[in-house]
Amino acid sequence: MFRKKYGVSFKEYLNNYRIERAAEILLRTDDKIYLVAEEVGYRDLDYFINRFIQSKGCTPTTYRKKTRSVNE
């Protein structure tokens, strides 16, 4: 039912939501990457980083540096 309504599985939806939330946190805090991962619900840092790379095309650290330098 979820896939019919939203076009993606619940797992995909949840992962996308968590990564978007993590991206927001990365830009507004200086928290360590593992703390951001935990805050959005990932216990395994390597898994979080791999999911982040799949979604954003770079590591969380690189994303933070690139996006902050563009906004300054």
Protein backbone atom coordinates (compact mmCIF):
# COMPACT_ATOMS: atom_id res chain seq x y z
CA MET A 1 0.00 0.00 0.00
CA PHE A 2 2.78 2.42 0.91
CA ARG A 3 4.52 1.94 -2.44
CA LYS A 4 1.25 2.54 -4.31
CA LYS A 5 0.64 5.80 -2.49
CA TYR A 6 4.19 7.22 -2.41
CA GLY A 7 5.92 5.46 -5.30
CA VAL A 8 8.73 4.04 -3.14
CA SER A 9 8.99 1.38 -0.47
CA PHE A 10 8.75 2.42 3.15
CA LYS A 11 12.41 1.50 3.66
CA GLU A 12 13.49 3.77 0.76
CA TYR A 13 11.28 6.57 2.04
CA LEU A 14 12.71 6.28 5.54
CA ASN A 15 16.31 6.18 4.32
CA ASN A 16 15.74 9.23 2.11
CA TYR A 17 14.13 11.10 4.99
CA ARG A 18 17.01 10.25 7.33
CA ILE A 19 19.64 11.34 4.81
CA GLU A 20 17.87 14.65 4.15
CA ARG A 21 17.61 15.25 7.88
CA ALA A 22 21.30 14.40 8.31
CA ALA A 23 22.21 16.86 5.55
CA GLU A 24 20.35 19.62 7.40
CA ILE A 25 22.10 18.78 10.67
CA LEU A 26 25.51 18.71 8.98
CA LEU A 27 25.03 22.26 7.74
CA ARG A 28 23.82 23.79 10.98
CA THR A 29 26.10 22.05 13.50
CA ASP A 30 29.70 21.01 13.89
CA ASP A 31 28.70 17.64 15.40
CA LYS A 32 30.87 14.67 14.56
CA ILE A 33 29.59 12.50 11.71
CA TYR A 34 28.91 9.54 13.99
CA LEU A 35 26.71 11.74 16.20
CA VAL A 36 24.71 12.94 13.20
CA ALA A 37 24.29 9.32 12.07
CA GLU A 38 23.01 8.32 15.50
CA GLU A 39 20.68 11.32 15.67
CA VAL A 40 18.91 10.33 12.46
CA GLY A 41 18.69 6.66 13.40
CA TYR A 42 21.76 4.91 11.99
CA ARG A 43 23.77 2.76 14.41
CA ASP A 44 26.32 1.65 11.82
CA LEU A 45 28.51 4.56 10.71
CA ASP A 46 29.80 2.80 7.59
CA TYR A 47 26.24 2.03 6.45
CA PHE A 48 25.24 5.65 7.05
CA ILE A 49 28.19 6.95 5.04
CA ASN A 50 27.43 4.56 2.15
CA ARG A 51 23.75 5.59 2.11
CA PHE A 52 24.77 9.26 2.24
CA ILE A 53 27.15 8.83 -0.70
CA GLN A 54 24.41 7.05 -2.71
CA SER A 55 22.01 9.89 -2.07
CA LYS A 56 24.24 12.98 -2.18
CA GLY A 57 27.19 11.80 -4.28
CA CYS A 58 29.82 12.54 -1.64
CA THR A 59 30.73 11.78 1.95
CA PRO A 60 29.04 13.70 4.78
CA THR A 61 32.28 15.56 5.52
CA THR A 62 32.72 16.62 1.90
CA TYR A 63 29.05 17.63 1.70
CA ARG A 64 29.44 19.81 4.78
CA LYS A 65 32.59 21.51 3.45
CA LYS A 66 31.30 22.07 -0.08
CA THR A 67 27.87 23.33 0.92
CA ARG A 68 29.14 25.60 3.65
CA SER A 69 31.76 27.16 1.37
CA VAL A 70 29.11 27.88 -1.27
CA ASN A 71 26.80 29.51 1.30
CA GLU A 72 29.48 31.77 2.78
